[in-house]
Amino acid sequence: MQTIAGLLREAAAELAASATPRLDAELLLAHTMGWPRARLLAERDHQLDAAQLAAFRALVARRATGEPVAYLLGRRAFFGLELAVDRRVLVPRPETELLVELALAQARRLAPAGGPLAIADIGTGSGAIAVALAANFPTATVYATDISPDALAVAAANVARHGLGERVRLLHGDLLEPLPGPVDLLVSNPPYTILAEVEPQVRAHEPHLALEGGADGGDVYRRLLPAVGRRLRPGGAVLLEIGAWQGELVAGLLRAAMPGARVSVHRDLAGLDRVVLGESAGGAGSV
């Protein structure tokens, strides 16, 4: 039998290609044991039985191939909420939390007294954005669309997990097509990567449908934005996550789709362009 301390050293060495080998090892071992991570550190001399050891080593082997830790654990934290994730959906990224923060600020602007608000989350995937918005703006109804039935199944599990079935409505279809009517706020984290340039480990394990944005990453924006004006109520807003190189491209597409809108590009904590915001009320925009 091996102790926890020895297994963590061994696993961290095997996961040296990861940016966080020790953390990965601790998370996987805590998951195997059914313990909080802090308990591993307190019981470093504890010995695993044969079944636990085999299960842990199988997880480490999968992580060594680049499979995301979130898939191995079956969950991911996002905006203070725990979400179920698996290979059917993209793993929610921390930088997407900026999109949620900006969307909530717009929601407060549009409904300052906390009145009813209709929000659309286009390409919802795991439902991370829709669930976060509904959980943090209790008077909102969120319409979450996706072309993938598999993704919507994961989103449904997350909506149920957080008791939001009355306010998050999952709709199957392409982009804006399933929406029942205009909304006050439209948000989307669409596929915007250039698949050939995506990290090999991401390309090997995460769904290409949620990644592929075409030759310059802009294909989905070009399909989505021309119809935005017909789906947005007067005074409403559009928020789009983008790749760090896409600020000018997407801002230009949004200006063309929403003449007279105030358009701005917002940076994430790394200082990279991350979200384009279009507000239909107000004067000329700037980037």
C-alpha atoms as a PDB file:
ATOM      1  CA  MET A   1       0.000   0.000   0.000  1.00  0.00           C
ATOM      2  CA  GLN A   2       1.096   3.566  -0.670  1.00  0.00           C
ATOM      3  CA  THR A   3       0.495   6.651   1.432  1.00  0.00           C
ATOM      4  CA  ILE A   4      -1.288   9.752   0.246  1.00  0.00           C
ATOM      5  CA  ALA A   5       1.958  11.733   0.393  1.00  0.00           C
ATOM      6  CA  GLY A   6       3.780   9.240  -1.811  1.00  0.00           C
ATOM      7  CA  LEU A   7       0.946   8.967  -4.316  1.00  0.00           C
ATOM      8  CA  LEU A   8       0.694  12.736  -4.698  1.00  0.00           C
ATOM      9  CA  ARG A   9       4.430  12.985  -5.417  1.00  0.00           C
ATOM     10  CA  GLU A  10       4.189  10.167  -7.937  1.00  0.00           C
ATOM     11  CA  ALA A  11       1.125  11.600  -9.670  1.00  0.00           C
ATOM     12  CA  ALA A  12       2.506  15.133  -9.828  1.00  0.00           C
ATOM     13  CA  ALA A  13       5.607  13.803 -11.568  1.00  0.00           C
ATOM     14  CA  GLU A  14       3.444  11.904 -14.069  1.00  0.00           C
ATOM     15  CA  LEU A  15       1.423  15.067 -14.734  1.00  0.00           C
ATOM     16  CA  ALA A  16       4.444  17.318 -15.199  1.00  0.00           C
ATOM     17  CA  ALA A  17       3.153  18.488 -18.595  1.00  0.00           C
ATOM     18  CA  SER A  18       0.158  20.111 -16.893  1.00  0.00           C
ATOM     19  CA  ALA A  19       0.372  23.732 -15.780  1.00  0.00           C
ATOM     20  CA  THR A  20      -0.819  22.615 -12.313  1.00  0.00           C
ATOM     21  CA  PRO A  21       0.412  19.046 -11.728  1.00  0.00           C
ATOM     22  CA  ARG A  22       0.229  19.028  -7.930  1.00  0.00           C
ATOM     23  CA  LEU A  23      -3.219  20.621  -7.852  1.00  0.00           C
ATOM     24  CA  ASP A  24      -4.478  18.166 -10.471  1.00  0.00           C
ATOM     25  CA  ALA A  25      -3.166  15.250  -8.418  1.00  0.00           C
ATOM     26  CA  GLU A  26      -4.799  16.522  -5.225  1.00  0.00           C
ATOM     27  CA  LEU A  27      -8.165  17.103  -6.909  1.00  0.00           C
ATOM     28  CA  LEU A  28      -8.168  13.660  -8.482  1.00  0.00           C
ATOM     29  CA  LEU A  29      -7.174  11.916  -5.274  1.00  0.00           C
ATOM     30  CA  ALA A  30      -9.730  13.818  -3.211  1.00  0.00           C
ATOM     31  CA  HIS A  31     -12.361  12.796  -5.767  1.00  0.00           C
ATOM     32  CA  THR A  32     -11.260   9.172  -5.585  1.00  0.00           C
ATOM     33  CA  MET A  33     -11.436   9.153  -1.797  1.00  0.00           C
ATOM     34  CA  GLY A  34     -14.653  11.151  -1.568  1.00  0.00           C
ATOM     35  CA  TRP A  35     -12.844  13.548   0.756  1.00  0.00           C
ATOM     36  CA  PRO A  36     -12.470  17.331   0.841  1.00  0.00           C
ATOM     37  CA  ARG A  37      -9.074  18.294  -0.532  1.00  0.00           C
ATOM     38  CA  ALA A  38      -7.955  19.678   2.828  1.00  0.00           C
ATOM     39  CA  ARG A  39      -8.277  16.239   4.400  1.00  0.00           C
ATOM     40  CA  LEU A  40      -5.577  14.867   2.082  1.00  0.00           C
ATOM     41  CA  LEU A  41      -3.085  17.263   3.604  1.00  0.00           C
ATOM     42  CA  ALA A  42      -4.143  16.359   7.122  1.00  0.00           C
ATOM     43  CA  GLU A  43      -3.912  12.596   6.547  1.00  0.00           C
ATOM     44  CA  ARG A  44      -0.789  12.335   4.439  1.00  0.00           C
ATOM     45  CA  ASP A  45       0.151   8.930   5.908  1.00  0.00           C
ATOM     46  CA  HIS A  46      -3.194   7.314   5.128  1.00  0.00           C
ATOM     47  CA  GLN A  47      -2.909   4.262   2.872  1.00  0.00           C
ATOM     48  CA  LEU A  48      -5.303   3.582   0.005  1.00  0.00           C
ATOM     49  CA  ASP A  49      -6.782   0.156  -0.560  1.00  0.00           C
ATOM     50  CA  ALA A  50      -6.283  -1.648  -3.850  1.00  0.00           C
ATOM     51  CA  ALA A  51      -9.548  -0.464  -5.422  1.00  0.00           C
ATOM     52  CA  GLN A  52      -8.902   3.175  -4.520  1.00  0.00           C
ATOM     53  CA  LEU A  53      -5.358   2.957  -5.823  1.00  0.00           C
ATOM     54  CA  ALA A  54      -6.505   1.510  -9.152  1.00  0.00           C
ATOM     55  CA  ALA A  55      -9.215   4.143  -9.545  1.00  0.00           C
ATOM     56  CA  PHE A  56      -6.803   6.986  -8.798  1.00  0.00           C
ATOM     57  CA  ARG A  57      -4.154   5.733 -11.183  1.00  0.00           C
ATOM     58  CA  ALA A  58      -6.752   5.400 -13.939  1.00  0.00           C
ATOM     59  CA  LEU A  59      -7.745   9.042 -13.468  1.00  0.00           C
ATOM     60  CA  VAL A  60      -4.114  10.175 -13.491  1.00  0.00           C
ATOM     61  CA  ALA A  61      -3.504   8.250 -16.704  1.00  0.00           C
ATOM     62  CA  ARG A  62      -6.438   9.972 -18.360  1.00  0.00           C
ATOM     63  CA  ARG A  63      -5.293  13.386 -17.133  1.00  0.00           C
ATOM     64  CA  ALA A  64      -1.823  12.676 -18.536  1.00  0.00           C
ATOM     65  CA  THR A  65      -3.399  12.509 -22.010  1.00  0.00           C
ATOM     66  CA  GLY A  66      -4.703  16.055 -21.541  1.00  0.00           C
ATOM     67  CA  GLU A  67      -8.288  15.208 -20.613  1.00  0.00           C
ATOM     68  CA  PRO A  68      -9.644  18.147 -18.588  1.00  0.00           C
ATOM     69  CA  VAL A  69      -9.823  17.710 -14.822  1.00  0.00           C
ATOM     70  CA  ALA A  70     -13.418  18.946 -14.979  1.00  0.00           C
ATOM     71  CA  TYR A  71     -14.408  15.958 -17.121  1.00  0.00           C
ATOM     72  CA  LEU A  72     -12.642  13.566 -14.763  1.00  0.00           C
ATOM     73  CA  LEU A  73     -14.423  15.040 -11.749  1.00  0.00           C
ATOM     74  CA  GLY A  74     -17.710  15.550 -13.602  1.00  0.00           C
ATOM     75  CA  ARG A  75     -18.041  19.085 -12.317  1.00  0.00           C
ATOM     76  CA  ARG A  76     -16.705  22.619 -12.617  1.00  0.00           C
ATOM     77  CA  ALA A  77     -17.106  25.745 -10.476  1.00  0.00           C
ATOM     78  CA  PHE A  78     -18.377  28.807 -12.358  1.00  0.00           C
ATOM     79  CA  PHE A  79     -19.452  32.145 -10.881  1.00  0.00           C
ATOM     80  CA  GLY A  80     -19.714  30.564  -7.439  1.00  0.00           C
ATOM     81  CA  LEU A  81     -21.892  27.704  -8.673  1.00  0.00           C
ATOM     82  CA  GLU A  82     -21.028  24.041  -9.127  1.00  0.00           C
ATOM     83  CA  LEU A  83     -21.966  22.749 -12.566  1.00  0.00           C
ATOM     84  CA  ALA A  84     -22.018  19.280 -14.065  1.00  0.00           C
ATOM     85  CA  VAL A  85     -19.781  18.960 -17.138  1.00  0.00           C
ATOM     86  CA  ASP A  86     -18.671  16.159 -19.418  1.00  0.00           C
ATOM     87  CA  ARG A  87     -17.393  15.612 -22.952  1.00  0.00           C
ATOM     88  CA  ARG A  88     -20.707  16.786 -24.439  1.00  0.00           C
ATOM     89  CA  VAL A  89     -19.952  20.414 -23.522  1.00  0.00           C
ATOM     90  CA  LEU A  90     -17.087  22.865 -23.419  1.00  0.00           C
ATOM     91  CA  VAL A  91     -15.541  23.299 -19.970  1.00  0.00           C
ATOM     92  CA  PRO A  92     -16.641  26.734 -18.622  1.00  0.00           C
ATOM     93  CA  ARG A  93     -13.656  29.097 -18.457  1.00  0.00           C
ATOM     94  CA  PRO A  94     -12.996  31.651 -15.698  1.00  0.00           C
ATOM     95  CA  GLU A  95     -12.693  34.460 -18.257  1.00  0.00           C
ATOM     96  CA  THR A  96     -16.341  33.930 -19.216  1.00  0.00           C
ATOM     97  CA  GLU A  97     -17.300  35.217 -15.769  1.00  0.00           C
ATOM     98  CA  LEU A  98     -16.616  38.730 -17.114  1.00  0.00           C
ATOM     99  CA  LEU A  99     -19.473  38.224 -19.583  1.00  0.00           C
ATOM    100  CA  VAL A 100     -21.783  37.324 -16.699  1.00  0.00           C
ATOM    101  CA  GLU A 101     -20.640  40.321 -14.614  1.00  0.00           C
ATOM    102  CA  LEU A 102     -21.275  42.736 -17.477  1.00  0.00           C
ATOM    103  CA  ALA A 103     -24.612  41.109 -18.281  1.00  0.00           C
ATOM    104  CA  LEU A 104     -25.765  41.470 -14.670  1.00  0.00           C
ATOM    105  CA  ALA A 105     -24.774  45.160 -14.750  1.00  0.00           C
ATOM    106  CA  GLN A 106     -26.897  45.588 -17.873  1.00  0.00           C
ATOM    107  CA  ALA A 107     -29.762  43.719 -16.247  1.00  0.00           C
ATOM    108  CA  ARG A 108     -29.668  46.140 -13.325  1.00  0.00           C
ATOM    109  CA  ARG A 109     -29.656  49.064 -15.770  1.00  0.00           C
ATOM    110  CA  LEU A 110     -32.620  47.713 -17.697  1.00  0.00           C
ATOM    111  CA  ALA A 111     -34.628  46.699 -14.626  1.00  0.00           C
ATOM    112  CA  PRO A 112     -33.347  48.910 -11.776  1.00  0.00           C
ATOM    113  CA  ALA A 113     -36.273  48.034  -9.536  1.00  0.00           C
ATOM    114  CA  GLY A 114     -35.780  44.327 -10.138  1.00  0.00           C
ATOM    115  CA  GLY A 115     -38.711  44.024 -12.513  1.00  0.00           C
ATOM    116  CA  PRO A 116     -39.258  41.261 -15.069  1.00  0.00           C
ATOM    117  CA  LEU A 117     -36.526  40.857 -17.644  1.00  0.00           C
ATOM    118  CA  ALA A 118     -36.149  38.545 -20.642  1.00  0.00           C
ATOM    119  CA  ILE A 119     -32.612  37.316 -21.370  1.00  0.00           C
ATOM    120  CA  ALA A 120     -31.394  35.069 -24.179  1.00  0.00           C
ATOM    121  CA  ASP A 121     -28.252  32.949 -23.850  1.00  0.00           C
ATOM    122  CA  ILE A 122     -27.347  31.840 -27.355  1.00  0.00           C
ATOM    123  CA  GLY A 123     -25.306  28.639 -27.595  1.00  0.00           C
ATOM    124  CA  THR A 124     -25.741  27.796 -23.934  1.00  0.00           C
ATOM    125  CA  GLY A 125     -23.609  24.617 -23.846  1.00  0.00           C
ATOM    126  CA  SER A 126     -23.474  23.466 -20.224  1.00  0.00           C
ATOM    127  CA  GLY A 127     -25.917  26.209 -19.269  1.00  0.00           C
ATOM    128  CA  ALA A 128     -23.227  27.974 -17.228  1.00  0.00           C
ATOM    129  CA  ILE A 129     -24.115  31.507 -18.315  1.00  0.00           C
ATOM    130  CA  ALA A 130     -27.886  30.980 -18.210  1.00  0.00           C
ATOM    131  CA  VAL A 131     -27.753  29.409 -14.749  1.00  0.00           C
ATOM    132  CA  ALA A 132     -25.440  32.114 -13.385  1.00  0.00           C
ATOM    133  CA  LEU A 133     -27.665  34.902 -14.715  1.00  0.00           C
ATOM    134  CA  ALA A 134     -30.882  33.350 -13.440  1.00  0.00           C
ATOM    135  CA  ALA A 135     -29.384  32.594 -10.036  1.00  0.00           C
ATOM    136  CA  ASN A 136     -28.150  36.166  -9.635  1.00  0.00           C
ATOM    137  CA  PHE A 137     -31.121  38.042 -11.126  1.00  0.00           C
ATOM    138  CA  PRO A 138     -34.225  36.441  -9.606  1.00  0.00           C
ATOM    139  CA  THR A 139     -36.787  38.292 -11.771  1.00  0.00           C
ATOM    140  CA  ALA A 140     -35.216  37.265 -15.080  1.00  0.00           C
ATOM    141  CA  THR A 141     -36.533  34.662 -17.469  1.00  0.00           C
ATOM    142  CA  VAL A 142     -33.636  33.180 -19.430  1.00  0.00           C
ATOM    143  CA  TYR A 143     -34.101  31.522 -22.822  1.00  0.00           C
ATOM    144  CA  ALA A 144     -31.093  29.282 -23.430  1.00  0.00           C
ATOM    145  CA  THR A 145     -30.646  27.948 -26.959  1.00  0.00           C
ATOM    146  CA  ASP A 146     -28.309  25.348 -28.411  1.00  0.00           C
ATOM    147  CA  ILE A 147     -28.109  23.360 -31.618  1.00  0.00           C
ATOM    148  CA  SER A 148     -26.762  20.314 -29.752  1.00  0.00           C
ATOM    149  CA  PRO A 149     -29.292  18.060 -27.981  1.00  0.00           C
ATOM    150  CA  ASP A 150     -26.402  16.552 -26.023  1.00  0.00           C
ATOM    151  CA  ALA A 151     -25.381  19.963 -24.691  1.00  0.00           C
ATOM    152  CA  LEU A 152     -28.975  20.758 -23.757  1.00  0.00           C
ATOM    153  CA  ALA A 153     -29.124  17.534 -21.745  1.00  0.00           C
ATOM    154  CA  VAL A 154     -26.166  18.722 -19.662  1.00  0.00           C
ATOM    155  CA  ALA A 155     -27.708  22.194 -19.346  1.00  0.00           C
ATOM    156  CA  ALA A 156     -30.968  20.634 -18.153  1.00  0.00           C
ATOM    157  CA  ALA A 157     -29.115  18.815 -15.386  1.00  0.00           C
ATOM    158  CA  ASN A 158     -27.535  22.086 -14.264  1.00  0.00           C
ATOM    159  CA  VAL A 159     -30.813  23.984 -14.376  1.00  0.00           C
ATOM    160  CA  ALA A 160     -32.400  21.272 -12.228  1.00  0.00           C
ATOM    161  CA  ARG A 161     -29.419  21.151  -9.870  1.00  0.00           C
ATOM    162  CA  HIS A 162     -29.936  24.812  -8.999  1.00  0.00           C
ATOM    163  CA  GLY A 163     -33.733  24.741  -8.926  1.00  0.00           C
ATOM    164  CA  LEU A 164     -34.158  27.124 -11.855  1.00  0.00           C
ATOM    165  CA  GLY A 165     -36.553  25.122 -14.014  1.00  0.00           C
ATOM    166  CA  GLU A 166     -39.279  27.773 -13.722  1.00  0.00           C
ATOM    167  CA  ARG A 167     -37.061  30.551 -15.080  1.00  0.00           C
ATOM    168  CA  VAL A 168     -34.528  28.968 -17.442  1.00  0.00           C
ATOM    169  CA  ARG A 169     -36.151  27.665 -20.606  1.00  0.00           C
ATOM    170  CA  LEU A 170     -33.986  25.431 -22.759  1.00  0.00           C
ATOM    171  CA  LEU A 171     -34.669  25.629 -26.489  1.00  0.00           C
ATOM    172  CA  HIS A 172     -33.254  23.409 -29.215  1.00  0.00           C
ATOM    173  CA  GLY A 173     -32.264  25.093 -32.471  1.00  0.00           C
ATOM    174  CA  ASP A 174     -29.756  27.218 -34.325  1.00  0.00           C
ATOM    175  CA  LEU A 175     -28.747  30.522 -32.713  1.00  0.00           C
ATOM    176  CA  LEU A 176     -31.763  32.894 -32.464  1.00  0.00           C
ATOM    177  CA  GLU A 177     -34.275  30.717 -34.312  1.00  0.00           C
ATOM    178  CA  PRO A 178     -35.854  29.061 -31.234  1.00  0.00           C
ATOM    179  CA  LEU A 179     -36.537  32.316 -29.357  1.00  0.00           C
ATOM    180  CA  PRO A 180     -40.271  32.888 -28.818  1.00  0.00           C
ATOM    181  CA  GLY A 181     -39.972  36.664 -29.089  1.00  0.00           C
ATOM    182  CA  PRO A 182     -37.796  39.734 -28.444  1.00  0.00           C
ATOM    183  CA  VAL A 183     -35.636  39.944 -25.327  1.00  0.00           C
ATOM    184  CA  ASP A 184     -34.154  42.751 -23.258  1.00  0.00           C
ATOM    185  CA  LEU A 185     -30.676  41.293 -23.062  1.00  0.00           C
ATOM    186  CA  LEU A 186     -28.895  38.936 -25.425  1.00  0.00           C
ATOM    187  CA  VAL A 187     -25.660  37.205 -24.410  1.00  0.00           C
ATOM    188  CA  SER A 188     -23.532  34.655 -26.197  1.00  0.00           C
ATOM    189  CA  ASN A 189     -20.225  32.856 -25.882  1.00  0.00           C
ATOM    190  CA  PRO A 190     -20.228  31.363 -29.386  1.00  0.00           C
ATOM    191  CA  PRO A 191     -17.574  29.184 -31.018  1.00  0.00           C
ATOM    192  CA  TYR A 192     -14.856  31.697 -31.917  1.00  0.00           C
ATOM    193  CA  THR A 193     -11.618  29.768 -32.123  1.00  0.00           C
ATOM    194  CA  ILE A 194      -9.589  28.859 -35.184  1.00  0.00           C
ATOM    195  CA  LEU A 195      -9.650  25.107 -34.678  1.00  0.00           C
ATOM    196  CA  ALA A 196      -6.254  24.474 -36.251  1.00  0.00           C
ATOM    197  CA  GLU A 197      -4.707  26.864 -33.708  1.00  0.00           C
ATOM    198  CA  VAL A 198      -6.423  25.448 -30.625  1.00  0.00           C
ATOM    199  CA  GLU A 199      -4.188  23.715 -28.085  1.00  0.00           C
ATOM    200  CA  PRO A 200      -3.886  20.040 -29.063  1.00  0.00           C
ATOM    201  CA  GLN A 201      -5.203  18.808 -25.715  1.00  0.00           C
ATOM    202  CA  VAL A 202      -8.317  20.980 -25.996  1.00  0.00           C
ATOM    203  CA  ARG A 203      -8.859  19.922 -29.593  1.00  0.00           C
ATOM    204  CA  ALA A 204      -8.516  16.256 -28.626  1.00  0.00           C
ATOM    205  CA  HIS A 205     -11.047  16.274 -25.786  1.00  0.00           C
ATOM    206  CA  GLU A 206     -13.548  19.144 -26.032  1.00  0.00           C
ATOM    207  CA  PRO A 207     -16.422  19.267 -28.563  1.00  0.00           C
ATOM    208  CA  HIS A 208     -15.422  20.828 -31.878  1.00  0.00           C
ATOM    209  CA  LEU A 209     -18.952  22.147 -32.382  1.00  0.00           C
ATOM    210  CA  ALA A 210     -18.367  24.474 -29.407  1.00  0.00           C
ATOM    211  CA  LEU A 211     -14.918  25.559 -30.638  1.00  0.00           C
ATOM    212  CA  GLU A 212     -14.897  25.933 -34.428  1.00  0.00           C
ATOM    213  CA  GLY A 213     -15.285  29.559 -35.522  1.00  0.00           C
ATOM    214  CA  GLY A 214     -13.975  29.332 -39.083  1.00  0.00           C
ATOM    215  CA  ALA A 215     -10.874  30.752 -40.753  1.00  0.00           C
ATOM    216  CA  ASP A 216     -10.770  33.888 -38.572  1.00  0.00           C
ATOM    217  CA  GLY A 217     -13.037  32.724 -35.751  1.00  0.00           C
ATOM    218  CA  GLY A 218     -15.815  35.050 -36.906  1.00  0.00           C
ATOM    219  CA  ASP A 219     -18.201  32.732 -38.755  1.00  0.00           C
ATOM    220  CA  VAL A 220     -20.822  32.468 -36.008  1.00  0.00           C
ATOM    221  CA  TYR A 221     -20.822  36.216 -35.309  1.00  0.00           C
ATOM    222  CA  ARG A 222     -21.520  36.830 -39.010  1.00  0.00           C
ATOM    223  CA  ARG A 223     -24.564  34.552 -38.837  1.00  0.00           C
ATOM    224  CA  LEU A 224     -25.758  35.713 -35.445  1.00  0.00           C
ATOM    225  CA  LEU A 225     -25.500  39.482 -35.539  1.00  0.00           C
ATOM    226  CA  PRO A 226     -27.541  40.471 -38.620  1.00  0.00           C
ATOM    227  CA  ALA A 227     -30.679  39.151 -36.902  1.00  0.00           C
ATOM    228  CA  VAL A 228     -30.010  40.715 -33.504  1.00  0.00           C
ATOM    229  CA  GLY A 229     -31.924  43.925 -34.186  1.00  0.00           C
ATOM    230  CA  ARG A 230     -35.171  42.023 -34.740  1.00  0.00           C
ATOM    231  CA  ARG A 231     -34.741  40.051 -31.530  1.00  0.00           C
ATOM    232  CA  LEU A 232     -33.841  42.892 -29.154  1.00  0.00           C
ATOM    233  CA  ARG A 233     -36.325  45.172 -27.448  1.00  0.00           C
ATOM    234  CA  PRO A 234     -35.761  48.955 -27.614  1.00  0.00           C
ATOM    235  CA  GLY A 235     -33.102  49.992 -25.119  1.00  0.00           C
ATOM    236  CA  GLY A 236     -31.743  46.464 -24.829  1.00  0.00           C
ATOM    237  CA  ALA A 237     -28.161  45.257 -24.962  1.00  0.00           C
ATOM    238  CA  VAL A 238     -26.020  42.558 -26.572  1.00  0.00           C
ATOM    239  CA  LEU A 239     -22.929  41.024 -24.945  1.00  0.00           C
ATOM    240  CA  LEU A 240     -20.591  38.709 -26.824  1.00  0.00           C
ATOM    241  CA  GLU A 241     -17.518  36.866 -25.629  1.00  0.00           C
ATOM    242  CA  ILE A 242     -14.666  37.103 -28.130  1.00  0.00           C
ATOM    243  CA  GLY A 243     -11.141  35.904 -28.702  1.00  0.00           C
ATOM    244  CA  ALA A 244      -8.370  38.328 -27.776  1.00  0.00           C
ATOM    245  CA  TRP A 245      -7.770  39.175 -31.449  1.00  0.00           C
ATOM    246  CA  GLN A 246     -11.422  39.792 -32.389  1.00  0.00           C
ATOM    247  CA  GLY A 247     -12.344  43.107 -30.775  1.00  0.00           C
ATOM    248  CA  GLU A 248     -12.260  45.186 -33.943  1.00  0.00           C
ATOM    249  CA  LEU A 249     -13.932  42.506 -36.059  1.00  0.00           C
ATOM    250  CA  VAL A 250     -16.876  41.828 -33.749  1.00  0.00           C
ATOM    251  CA  ALA A 251     -17.342  45.476 -32.751  1.00  0.00           C
ATOM    252  CA  GLY A 252     -17.607  46.336 -36.451  1.00  0.00           C
ATOM    253  CA  LEU A 253     -20.156  43.597 -37.073  1.00  0.00           C
ATOM    254  CA  LEU A 254     -22.178  44.750 -34.079  1.00  0.00           C
ATOM    255  CA  ARG A 255     -22.179  48.389 -35.228  1.00  0.00           C
ATOM    256  CA  ALA A 256     -23.429  47.299 -38.636  1.00  0.00           C
ATOM    257  CA  ALA A 257     -26.181  45.223 -37.019  1.00  0.00           C
ATOM    258  CA  MET A 258     -27.178  47.914 -34.494  1.00  0.00           C
ATOM    259  CA  PRO A 259     -26.784  51.349 -36.142  1.00  0.00           C
ATOM    260  CA  GLY A 260     -26.441  54.084 -33.553  1.00  0.00           C
ATOM    261  CA  ALA A 261     -25.672  51.695 -30.726  1.00  0.00           C
ATOM    262  CA  ARG A 262     -22.961  52.407 -28.196  1.00  0.00           C
ATOM    263  CA  VAL A 263     -20.362  49.677 -28.721  1.00  0.00           C
ATOM    264  CA  SER A 264     -17.474  48.970 -26.356  1.00  0.00           C
ATOM    265  CA  VAL A 265     -14.825  46.292 -25.909  1.00  0.00           C
ATOM    266  CA  HIS A 266     -14.011  45.105 -22.391  1.00  0.00           C
ATOM    267  CA  ARG A 267     -10.830  43.420 -21.233  1.00  0.00           C
ATOM    268  CA  ASP A 268     -10.422  40.504 -18.855  1.00  0.00           C
ATOM    269  CA  LEU A 269      -8.101  40.294 -15.848  1.00  0.00           C
ATOM    270  CA  ALA A 270      -5.224  39.335 -18.145  1.00  0.00           C
ATOM    271  CA  GLY A 271      -5.677  42.598 -20.049  1.00  0.00           C
ATOM    272  CA  LEU A 272      -7.005  40.829 -23.156  1.00  0.00           C
ATOM    273  CA  ASP A 273     -10.076  41.863 -25.139  1.00  0.00           C
ATOM    274  CA  ARG A 274     -12.830  39.510 -23.974  1.00  0.00           C
ATOM    275  CA  VAL A 275     -16.352  40.960 -24.322  1.00  0.00           C
ATOM    276  CA  VAL A 276     -18.035  43.235 -26.858  1.00  0.00           C
ATOM    277  CA  LEU A 277     -21.035  45.156 -25.543  1.00  0.00           C
ATOM    278  CA  GLY A 278     -23.643  46.869 -27.675  1.00  0.00           C
ATOM    279  CA  GLU A 279     -26.190  49.126 -25.965  1.00  0.00           C
ATOM    280  CA  SER A 280     -29.035  50.186 -28.214  1.00  0.00           C
ATOM    281  CA  ALA A 281     -29.780  53.275 -26.116  1.00  0.00           C
ATOM    282  CA  GLY A 282     -27.296  56.186 -26.201  1.00  0.00           C
ATOM    283  CA  GLY A 283     -25.047  57.910 -28.645  1.00  0.00           C
ATOM    284  CA  ALA A 284     -22.140  56.905 -30.778  1.00  0.00           C
ATOM    285  CA  GLY A 285     -19.944  54.152 -29.470  1.00  0.00           C
ATOM    286  CA  SER A 286     -16.211  53.852 -29.051  1.00  0.00           C
ATOM    287  CA  VAL A 287     -13.718  51.058 -28.803  1.00  0.00           C
END
